[in-house]
């Protein structure tokens, strides 16, 4: 199941899903392919590992920042916030 919208509020406000990973995925793929071609134990492999790690950390920080911004936006608007845990496996089962 794909995620069309990240969040829907009770006032029917729709928050779009973040697309930062889609944008950074091609760069990550390219860096990981370059890493796989490096000789084990070389200094260039160590540099490539650091670049991949840096990009993973950048993706993590962007995702974390997005969640903080959404939470801050919701807390400014509402008095009470409820979260619903959906069983997607049961929802996708055919009847």
C-alpha atoms as a PDB file:
ATOM      1  CA  UNK A   1       0.000   0.000   0.000  1.00  0.00           C
ATOM      2  CA  UNK A   2       1.374   3.363  -0.976  1.00  0.00           C
ATOM      3  CA  UNK A   3       1.064   6.489   1.073  1.00  0.00           C
ATOM      4  CA  UNK A   4      -0.866   9.176  -0.802  1.00  0.00           C
ATOM      5  CA  UNK A   5      -1.170  11.696   2.035  1.00  0.00           C
ATOM      6  CA  UNK A   6       0.977  11.776   5.156  1.00  0.00           C
ATOM      7  CA  UNK A   7      -1.729  13.045   7.487  1.00  0.00           C
ATOM      8  CA  UNK A   8      -5.398  14.022   7.551  1.00  0.00           C
ATOM      9  CA  UNK A   9      -6.780  16.123  10.370  1.00  0.00           C
ATOM     10  CA  UNK A  10     -10.337  16.143  11.662  1.00  0.00           C
ATOM     11  CA  UNK A  11     -10.862  19.504   9.907  1.00  0.00           C
ATOM     12  CA  UNK A  12     -10.062  17.722   6.603  1.00  0.00           C
ATOM     13  CA  UNK A  13      -6.665  19.355   6.309  1.00  0.00           C
ATOM     14  CA  UNK A  14      -4.414  17.160   4.209  1.00  0.00           C
ATOM     15  CA  UNK A  15      -0.656  17.165   4.717  1.00  0.00           C
ATOM     16  CA  UNK A  16       1.191  15.795   1.714  1.00  0.00           C
ATOM     17  CA  UNK A  17       3.684  13.002   2.109  1.00  0.00           C
ATOM     18  CA  UNK A  18       7.313  14.117   2.159  1.00  0.00           C
ATOM     19  CA  UNK A  19       9.232  13.518  -1.054  1.00  0.00           C
ATOM     20  CA  UNK A  20      12.764  14.202   0.124  1.00  0.00           C
ATOM     21  CA  UNK A  21      13.765  10.534   0.044  1.00  0.00           C
ATOM     22  CA  UNK A  22      12.589  10.195  -3.559  1.00  0.00           C
ATOM     23  CA  UNK A  23      14.817  13.127  -4.490  1.00  0.00           C
ATOM     24  CA  UNK A  24      17.854  11.868  -2.570  1.00  0.00           C
ATOM     25  CA  UNK A  25      17.390   8.219  -3.547  1.00  0.00           C
ATOM     26  CA  UNK A  26      19.146   8.606  -6.902  1.00  0.00           C
ATOM     27  CA  UNK A  27      22.135  10.274  -5.249  1.00  0.00           C
ATOM     28  CA  UNK A  28      22.235   7.513  -2.619  1.00  0.00           C
ATOM     29  CA  UNK A  29      22.085   4.821  -5.304  1.00  0.00           C
ATOM     30  CA  UNK A  30      24.909   6.497  -7.224  1.00  0.00           C
ATOM     31  CA  UNK A  31      27.125   6.774  -4.116  1.00  0.00           C
ATOM     32  CA  UNK A  32      26.482   3.177  -3.117  1.00  0.00           C
ATOM     33  CA  UNK A  33      27.338   1.944  -6.614  1.00  0.00           C
ATOM     34  CA  UNK A  34      30.593   3.886  -6.502  1.00  0.00           C
ATOM     35  CA  UNK A  35      31.301   2.425  -3.063  1.00  0.00           C
ATOM     36  CA  UNK A  36      30.783  -1.130  -4.300  1.00  0.00           C
ATOM     37  CA  UNK A  37      33.445  -0.655  -6.987  1.00  0.00           C
ATOM     38  CA  UNK A  38      36.154   0.474  -4.549  1.00  0.00           C
ATOM     39  CA  UNK A  39      38.827  -1.962  -3.467  1.00  0.00           C
ATOM     40  CA  UNK A  40      38.452  -3.183   0.100  1.00  0.00           C
ATOM     41  CA  UNK A  41      40.925  -1.603   2.486  1.00  0.00           C
ATOM     42  CA  UNK A  42      41.690   1.409   0.287  1.00  0.00           C
ATOM     43  CA  UNK A  43      41.541   5.018   1.406  1.00  0.00           C
ATOM     44  CA  UNK A  44      39.118   5.839  -1.396  1.00  0.00           C
ATOM     45  CA  UNK A  45      36.731   3.187  -0.044  1.00  0.00           C
ATOM     46  CA  UNK A  46      36.877   4.816   3.382  1.00  0.00           C
ATOM     47  CA  UNK A  47      36.043   8.186   1.789  1.00  0.00           C
ATOM     48  CA  UNK A  48      33.139   6.635  -0.135  1.00  0.00           C
ATOM     49  CA  UNK A  49      31.810   5.017   3.066  1.00  0.00           C
ATOM     50  CA  UNK A  50      31.922   8.425   4.759  1.00  0.00           C
ATOM     51  CA  UNK A  51      29.992  10.028   1.892  1.00  0.00           C
ATOM     52  CA  UNK A  52      27.283   7.356   2.042  1.00  0.00           C
ATOM     53  CA  UNK A  53      27.062   7.703   5.824  1.00  0.00           C
ATOM     54  CA  UNK A  54      26.808  11.490   5.510  1.00  0.00           C
ATOM     55  CA  UNK A  55      23.943  11.190   3.041  1.00  0.00           C
ATOM     56  CA  UNK A  56      22.120   8.695   5.290  1.00  0.00           C
ATOM     57  CA  UNK A  57      22.502  11.143   8.173  1.00  0.00           C
ATOM     58  CA  UNK A  58      21.198  13.980   5.985  1.00  0.00           C
ATOM     59  CA  UNK A  59      18.110  11.925   5.073  1.00  0.00           C
ATOM     60  CA  UNK A  60      17.591  11.104   8.766  1.00  0.00           C
ATOM     61  CA  UNK A  61      17.836  14.774   9.769  1.00  0.00           C
ATOM     62  CA  UNK A  62      15.451  15.938   7.035  1.00  0.00           C
ATOM     63  CA  UNK A  63      12.893  13.277   8.015  1.00  0.00           C
ATOM     64  CA  UNK A  64      13.208  14.184  11.703  1.00  0.00           C
ATOM     65  CA  UNK A  65      12.822  17.891  10.938  1.00  0.00           C
ATOM     66  CA  UNK A  66       9.687  17.203   8.868  1.00  0.00           C
ATOM     67  CA  UNK A  67       8.096  15.286  11.758  1.00  0.00           C
ATOM     68  CA  UNK A  68       8.928  18.083  14.217  1.00  0.00           C
ATOM     69  CA  UNK A  69       7.436  20.705  11.898  1.00  0.00           C
ATOM     70  CA  UNK A  70       4.220  18.720  11.412  1.00  0.00           C
ATOM     71  CA  UNK A  71       3.903  18.066  15.152  1.00  0.00           C
ATOM     72  CA  UNK A  72       4.473  21.753  15.914  1.00  0.00           C
ATOM     73  CA  UNK A  73       1.872  22.761  13.325  1.00  0.00           C
ATOM     74  CA  UNK A  74      -0.673  20.330  14.808  1.00  0.00           C
ATOM     75  CA  UNK A  75      -0.020  21.404  18.391  1.00  0.00           C
ATOM     76  CA  UNK A  76      -0.556  25.045  17.448  1.00  0.00           C
ATOM     77  CA  UNK A  77      -3.959  24.239  15.955  1.00  0.00           C
ATOM     78  CA  UNK A  78      -5.453  21.698  18.354  1.00  0.00           C
ATOM     79  CA  UNK A  79      -6.219  21.264  22.019  1.00  0.00           C
ATOM     80  CA  UNK A  80      -6.250  17.454  21.910  1.00  0.00           C
ATOM     81  CA  UNK A  81      -4.367  15.135  19.563  1.00  0.00           C
ATOM     82  CA  UNK A  82      -5.306  11.485  18.998  1.00  0.00           C
ATOM     83  CA  UNK A  83      -3.327   8.896  17.051  1.00  0.00           C
ATOM     84  CA  UNK A  84      -4.892   5.883  15.385  1.00  0.00           C
ATOM     85  CA  UNK A  85      -3.005   2.636  14.893  1.00  0.00           C
ATOM     86  CA  UNK A  86      -4.213   0.956  11.712  1.00  0.00           C
ATOM     87  CA  UNK A  87      -3.822  -2.712  10.895  1.00  0.00           C
ATOM     88  CA  UNK A  88      -2.814  -2.383   7.239  1.00  0.00           C
ATOM     89  CA  UNK A  89      -2.416  -6.132   6.783  1.00  0.00           C
ATOM     90  CA  UNK A  90      -6.065  -6.731   7.679  1.00  0.00           C
ATOM     91  CA  UNK A  91      -7.215  -3.788   5.582  1.00  0.00           C
ATOM     92  CA  UNK A  92      -5.459  -5.070   2.465  1.00  0.00           C
ATOM     93  CA  UNK A  93      -6.873  -8.592   2.783  1.00  0.00           C
ATOM     94  CA  UNK A  94      -9.396  -9.534   0.116  1.00  0.00           C
ATOM     95  CA  UNK A  95     -12.902 -10.409   1.186  1.00  0.00           C
END
